[in-house]
Amino acid sequence: MKKVLIFTGVLCITLVLGCGKGSNENVSEKQIKQNVGIEKDVGESKDHLSVKAKNLKQERNLEMEEAKPISVSDGNFESEVIQSDIPVLVDFWAPWCRPCLIAAPVLEKIAKQYKGSLKVCKLNVDEGRQTAMKYGIRSIPTLNLYVNGELVDQIIGVTPSYESDLKRKIGPHI
């Protein structure tokens, strides 16, 4: 009877160890398959990022086509405004100025309507103090209209008929 118990015990231990080993091999195969899946996911992620980059580039091109106002600074005012081949309307503004914020959508609309024949720029007076001082900006919003690098007109403040007032000032110079 002792021999039968010992034999049964050894058989059980052998089966447990054998099953455990096979189970480990299965887990390893599963891990390999998962790793391969991860590699596929990483490859797909790279492709996805590439597509996203292309989409961002296309969005940037669309923004340029929509002709949104261009931010200018002391550093690029000369090249963007004074040396421009087309008339430039410059909005001297600040983010804390309520009337400036009211004027912003109108300027975006003007930039789209006059795309190609008028450049609309924005200079934050808090960041572009030298340029604001050079052109005597004492109140904001102030819009300066430059043609061939020369200041030809100025609009100070926001009027009830702001958009039509701007178009009246811009019209003769386009």
C-alpha atoms as a PDB file:
ATOM      1  CA  MET A   1       0.000   0.000   0.000  1.00  0.00           C
ATOM      2  CA  LYS A   2       2.910   2.259   0.758  1.00  0.00           C
ATOM      3  CA  LYS A   3       4.254   1.658  -2.723  1.00  0.00           C
ATOM      4  CA  VAL A   4       0.923   2.648  -4.297  1.00  0.00           C
ATOM      5  CA  LEU A   5       0.777   5.895  -2.267  1.00  0.00           C
ATOM      6  CA  ILE A   6       4.360   6.780  -3.133  1.00  0.00           C
ATOM      7  CA  PHE A   7       3.731   5.968  -6.784  1.00  0.00           C
ATOM      8  CA  THR A   8       0.564   8.076  -6.803  1.00  0.00           C
ATOM      9  CA  GLY A   9       2.371  10.955  -5.102  1.00  0.00           C
ATOM     10  CA  VAL A  10       5.246  10.859  -7.602  1.00  0.00           C
ATOM     11  CA  LEU A  11       2.765  10.676 -10.472  1.00  0.00           C
ATOM     12  CA  CYS A  12       0.850  13.688  -9.143  1.00  0.00           C
ATOM     13  CA  ILE A  13       4.049  15.711  -8.715  1.00  0.00           C
ATOM     14  CA  THR A  14       5.162  14.789 -12.229  1.00  0.00           C
ATOM     15  CA  LEU A  15       1.803  15.790 -13.689  1.00  0.00           C
ATOM     16  CA  VAL A  16       1.754  19.103 -11.792  1.00  0.00           C
ATOM     17  CA  LEU A  17       5.299  19.972 -12.828  1.00  0.00           C
ATOM     18  CA  GLY A  18       4.643  18.852 -16.385  1.00  0.00           C
ATOM     19  CA  CYS A  19       1.401  20.822 -16.648  1.00  0.00           C
ATOM     20  CA  GLY A  20       3.008  23.851 -15.101  1.00  0.00           C
ATOM     21  CA  LYS A  21       5.850  23.713 -17.641  1.00  0.00           C
ATOM     22  CA  GLY A  22       3.428  23.437 -20.567  1.00  0.00           C
ATOM     23  CA  SER A  23       1.402  26.272 -19.145  1.00  0.00           C
ATOM     24  CA  ASN A  24       4.523  28.454 -18.889  1.00  0.00           C
ATOM     25  CA  GLU A  25       5.307  27.688 -22.514  1.00  0.00           C
ATOM     26  CA  ASN A  26       1.772  28.714 -23.474  1.00  0.00           C
ATOM     27  CA  VAL A  27       2.143  31.954 -21.535  1.00  0.00           C
ATOM     28  CA  SER A  28       5.418  32.590 -23.329  1.00  0.00           C
ATOM     29  CA  GLU A  29       3.742  32.020 -26.678  1.00  0.00           C
ATOM     30  CA  LYS A  30       0.948  34.367 -25.615  1.00  0.00           C
ATOM     31  CA  GLN A  31       3.504  36.944 -24.538  1.00  0.00           C
ATOM     32  CA  ILE A  32       5.266  36.675 -27.889  1.00  0.00           C
ATOM     33  CA  LYS A  33       1.985  37.123 -29.720  1.00  0.00           C
ATOM     34  CA  GLN A  34       1.153  40.128 -27.531  1.00  0.00           C
ATOM     35  CA  ASN A  35       4.569  41.640 -28.149  1.00  0.00           C
ATOM     36  CA  VAL A  36       4.113  41.239 -31.891  1.00  0.00           C
ATOM     37  CA  GLY A  37       0.714  42.897 -31.518  1.00  0.00           C
ATOM     38  CA  ILE A  38       2.344  45.746 -29.609  1.00  0.00           C
ATOM     39  CA  GLU A  39       4.902  46.155 -32.376  1.00  0.00           C
ATOM     40  CA  LYS A  40       2.046  46.352 -34.877  1.00  0.00           C
ATOM     41  CA  ASP A  41       0.333  48.949 -32.652  1.00  0.00           C
ATOM     42  CA  VAL A  42       3.547  50.976 -32.459  1.00  0.00           C
ATOM     43  CA  GLY A  43       3.847  50.858 -36.247  1.00  0.00           C
ATOM     44  CA  GLU A  44       0.231  51.915 -36.553  1.00  0.00           C
ATOM     45  CA  SER A  45       0.870  54.702 -34.026  1.00  0.00           C
ATOM     46  CA  LYS A  46       3.785  55.983 -36.130  1.00  0.00           C
ATOM     47  CA  ASP A  47       1.543  55.974 -39.192  1.00  0.00           C
ATOM     48  CA  HIS A  48      -1.172  57.716 -37.178  1.00  0.00           C
ATOM     49  CA  LEU A  49       1.294  60.403 -36.040  1.00  0.00           C
ATOM     50  CA  SER A  50       2.427  60.894 -39.622  1.00  0.00           C
ATOM     51  CA  VAL A  51      -1.179  61.406 -40.705  1.00  0.00           C
ATOM     52  CA  LYS A  52      -1.720  63.837 -37.826  1.00  0.00           C
ATOM     53  CA  ALA A  53       1.351  65.846 -38.859  1.00  0.00           C
ATOM     54  CA  LYS A  54       0.068  66.060 -42.425  1.00  0.00           C
ATOM     55  CA  ASN A  55      -3.341  67.187 -41.140  1.00  0.00           C
ATOM     56  CA  LEU A  56      -1.757  69.901 -38.981  1.00  0.00           C
ATOM     57  CA  LYS A  57       0.242  71.122 -41.970  1.00  0.00           C
ATOM     58  CA  GLN A  58      -2.932  71.257 -44.071  1.00  0.00           C
ATOM     59  CA  GLU A  59      -4.751  73.155 -41.274  1.00  0.00           C
ATOM     60  CA  ARG A  60      -1.889  75.679 -41.130  1.00  0.00           C
ATOM     61  CA  ASN A  61      -2.125  76.133 -44.904  1.00  0.00           C
ATOM     62  CA  LEU A  62      -5.879  76.641 -44.615  1.00  0.00           C
ATOM     63  CA  GLU A  63      -5.331  79.307 -41.961  1.00  0.00           C
ATOM     64  CA  MET A  64      -2.946  81.093 -44.302  1.00  0.00           C
ATOM     65  CA  GLU A  65      -5.508  80.789 -47.107  1.00  0.00           C
ATOM     66  CA  GLU A  66      -8.164  82.228 -44.794  1.00  0.00           C
ATOM     67  CA  ALA A  67      -5.883  85.258 -44.344  1.00  0.00           C
ATOM     68  CA  LYS A  68      -6.124  85.714 -40.598  1.00  0.00           C
ATOM     69  CA  PRO A  69      -4.415  88.738 -39.054  1.00  0.00           C
ATOM     70  CA  ILE A  70      -0.662  88.282 -38.636  1.00  0.00           C
ATOM     71  CA  SER A  71       0.957  88.942 -35.263  1.00  0.00           C
ATOM     72  CA  VAL A  72       3.853  91.361 -35.572  1.00  0.00           C
ATOM     73  CA  SER A  73       6.439  92.551 -33.076  1.00  0.00           C
ATOM     74  CA  ASP A  74       9.208  95.121 -32.751  1.00  0.00           C
ATOM     75  CA  GLY A  75      11.487  92.597 -34.457  1.00  0.00           C
ATOM     76  CA  ASN A  76       9.467  91.937 -37.610  1.00  0.00           C
ATOM     77  CA  PHE A  77       7.396  95.133 -37.987  1.00  0.00           C
ATOM     78  CA  GLU A  78       9.744  96.530 -40.634  1.00  0.00           C
ATOM     79  CA  SER A  79       9.696  93.397 -42.814  1.00  0.00           C
ATOM     80  CA  GLU A  80       5.975  92.603 -42.420  1.00  0.00           C
ATOM     81  CA  VAL A  81       4.561  96.143 -42.585  1.00  0.00           C
ATOM     82  CA  ILE A  82       6.952  98.749 -43.939  1.00  0.00           C
ATOM     83  CA  GLN A  83       8.435  96.537 -46.672  1.00  0.00           C
ATOM     84  CA  SER A  84       5.090  95.000 -47.712  1.00  0.00           C
ATOM     85  CA  ASP A  85       4.144  95.037 -51.400  1.00  0.00           C
ATOM     86  CA  ILE A  86       0.469  95.500 -50.540  1.00  0.00           C
ATOM     87  CA  PRO A  87      -1.280  97.927 -48.152  1.00  0.00           C
ATOM     88  CA  VAL A  88      -1.154  96.905 -44.486  1.00  0.00           C
ATOM     89  CA  LEU A  89      -3.690  97.601 -41.757  1.00  0.00           C
ATOM     90  CA  VAL A  90      -2.020  97.359 -38.342  1.00  0.00           C
ATOM     91  CA  ASP A  91      -4.110  96.915 -35.211  1.00  0.00           C
ATOM     92  CA  PHE A  92      -2.295  98.271 -32.135  1.00  0.00           C
ATOM     93  CA  TRP A  93      -4.022  96.420 -29.301  1.00  0.00           C
ATOM     94  CA  ALA A  94      -3.654  94.741 -25.898  1.00  0.00           C
ATOM     95  CA  PRO A  95      -5.284  91.607 -24.465  1.00  0.00           C
ATOM     96  CA  TRP A  96      -6.726  93.534 -21.491  1.00  0.00           C
ATOM     97  CA  CYS A  97      -8.414  96.137 -23.751  1.00  0.00           C
ATOM     98  CA  ARG A  98     -12.147  95.418 -24.041  1.00  0.00           C
ATOM     99  CA  PRO A  99     -12.711  97.489 -27.229  1.00  0.00           C
ATOM    100  CA  CYS A 100      -9.707  95.719 -28.797  1.00  0.00           C
ATOM    101  CA  LEU A 101     -11.381  92.369 -28.178  1.00  0.00           C
ATOM    102  CA  ILE A 102     -14.600  93.676 -29.727  1.00  0.00           C
ATOM    103  CA  ALA A 103     -12.660  94.837 -32.803  1.00  0.00           C
ATOM    104  CA  ALA A 104     -10.838  91.517 -33.314  1.00  0.00           C
ATOM    105  CA  PRO A 105     -13.626  89.586 -35.129  1.00  0.00           C
ATOM    106  CA  VAL A 106     -14.198  92.550 -37.457  1.00  0.00           C
ATOM    107  CA  LEU A 107     -10.491  92.598 -38.332  1.00  0.00           C
ATOM    108  CA  GLU A 108     -10.559  88.854 -39.032  1.00  0.00           C
ATOM    109  CA  LYS A 109     -13.483  89.407 -41.383  1.00  0.00           C
ATOM    110  CA  ILE A 110     -11.653  92.289 -43.114  1.00  0.00           C
ATOM    111  CA  ALA A 111      -8.538  90.084 -43.494  1.00  0.00           C
ATOM    112  CA  LYS A 112     -10.613  87.407 -45.253  1.00  0.00           C
ATOM    113  CA  GLN A 113     -12.516  89.843 -47.476  1.00  0.00           C
ATOM    114  CA  TYR A 114      -9.411  91.690 -48.645  1.00  0.00           C
ATOM    115  CA  LYS A 115      -7.150  88.642 -48.882  1.00  0.00           C
ATOM    116  CA  GLY A 116      -4.394  89.236 -51.400  1.00  0.00           C
ATOM    117  CA  SER A 117      -4.951  92.985 -51.641  1.00  0.00           C
ATOM    118  CA  LEU A 118      -4.581  93.978 -47.958  1.00  0.00           C
ATOM    119  CA  LYS A 119      -2.498  92.525 -45.161  1.00  0.00           C
ATOM    120  CA  VAL A 120      -3.955  92.772 -41.657  1.00  0.00           C
ATOM    121  CA  CYS A 121      -1.471  92.733 -38.783  1.00  0.00           C
ATOM    122  CA  LYS A 122      -1.785  92.941 -35.008  1.00  0.00           C
ATOM    123  CA  LEU A 123       0.808  94.399 -32.669  1.00  0.00           C
ATOM    124  CA  ASN A 124       0.343  93.834 -28.928  1.00  0.00           C
ATOM    125  CA  VAL A 125       1.449  97.175 -27.432  1.00  0.00           C
ATOM    126  CA  ASP A 126       2.548  95.486 -24.208  1.00  0.00           C
ATOM    127  CA  GLU A 127       5.056  93.396 -26.167  1.00  0.00           C
ATOM    128  CA  GLY A 128       5.873  95.846 -28.969  1.00  0.00           C
ATOM    129  CA  ARG A 129       6.400  99.027 -26.969  1.00  0.00           C
ATOM    130  CA  GLN A 130       9.166 100.447 -29.167  1.00  0.00           C
ATOM    131  CA  THR A 131       7.040 100.305 -32.317  1.00  0.00           C
ATOM    132  CA  ALA A 132       3.972 101.662 -30.506  1.00  0.00           C
ATOM    133  CA  MET A 133       6.054 104.601 -29.199  1.00  0.00           C
ATOM    134  CA  LYS A 134       7.668 105.177 -32.607  1.00  0.00           C
ATOM    135  CA  TYR A 135       4.235 105.596 -34.217  1.00  0.00           C
ATOM    136  CA  GLY A 136       2.797 107.661 -31.349  1.00  0.00           C
ATOM    137  CA  ILE A 137       0.179 105.174 -30.206  1.00  0.00           C
ATOM    138  CA  ARG A 138      -1.484 106.709 -27.134  1.00  0.00           C
ATOM    139  CA  SER A 139      -4.873 105.042 -27.228  1.00  0.00           C
ATOM    140  CA  ILE A 140      -5.971 101.557 -28.194  1.00  0.00           C
ATOM    141  CA  PRO A 141      -7.351 100.164 -30.337  1.00  0.00           C
ATOM    142  CA  THR A 142      -5.590 102.247 -32.957  1.00  0.00           C
ATOM    143  CA  LEU A 143      -5.462 101.085 -36.555  1.00  0.00           C
ATOM    144  CA  ASN A 144      -2.769 102.438 -38.843  1.00  0.00           C
ATOM    145  CA  LEU A 145      -2.997 101.974 -42.586  1.00  0.00           C
ATOM    146  CA  TYR A 146       0.360 101.785 -44.386  1.00  0.00           C
ATOM    147  CA  VAL A 147       0.808 101.970 -48.157  1.00  0.00           C
ATOM    148  CA  ASN A 148       4.296 101.535 -49.605  1.00  0.00           C
ATOM    149  CA  GLY A 149       5.709 101.812 -46.088  1.00  0.00           C
ATOM    150  CA  GLU A 150       4.044 105.177 -45.414  1.00  0.00           C
ATOM    151  CA  LEU A 151       1.344 105.853 -42.826  1.00  0.00           C
ATOM    152  CA  VAL A 152      -1.643 107.087 -44.860  1.00  0.00           C
ATOM    153  CA  ASP A 153      -4.522 106.869 -42.384  1.00  0.00           C
ATOM    154  CA  GLN A 154      -5.366 106.177 -38.751  1.00  0.00           C
ATOM    155  CA  ILE A 155      -8.507 105.003 -36.969  1.00  0.00           C
ATOM    156  CA  ILE A 156      -8.725 105.345 -33.193  1.00  0.00           C
ATOM    157  CA  GLY A 157     -11.309 103.494 -31.136  1.00  0.00           C
ATOM    158  CA  VAL A 158     -14.299 101.358 -32.114  1.00  0.00           C
ATOM    159  CA  THR A 159     -17.344 103.019 -33.628  1.00  0.00           C
ATOM    160  CA  PRO A 160     -20.906 101.641 -33.862  1.00  0.00           C
ATOM    161  CA  SER A 161     -20.388 101.136 -37.614  1.00  0.00           C
ATOM    162  CA  TYR A 162     -16.806  99.934 -37.234  1.00  0.00           C
ATOM    163  CA  GLU A 163     -16.696  97.515 -40.175  1.00  0.00           C
ATOM    164  CA  SER A 164     -18.151  99.954 -42.702  1.00  0.00           C
ATOM    165  CA  ASP A 165     -15.926 102.756 -41.345  1.00  0.00           C
ATOM    166  CA  LEU A 166     -12.859 100.568 -41.883  1.00  0.00           C
ATOM    167  CA  LYS A 167     -13.925  99.656 -45.404  1.00  0.00           C
ATOM    168  CA  ARG A 168     -14.427 103.338 -46.233  1.00  0.00           C
ATOM    169  CA  LYS A 169     -10.885 104.121 -45.072  1.00  0.00           C
ATOM    170  CA  ILE A 170      -9.316 101.078 -46.772  1.00  0.00           C
ATOM    171  CA  GLY A 171     -11.187 101.344 -50.089  1.00  0.00           C
ATOM    172  CA  PRO A 172      -9.230 104.183 -51.742  1.00  0.00           C
ATOM    173  CA  HIS A 173      -5.896 102.456 -51.062  1.00  0.00           C
ATOM    174  CA  ILE A 174      -6.705  99.032 -52.489  1.00  0.00           C
END
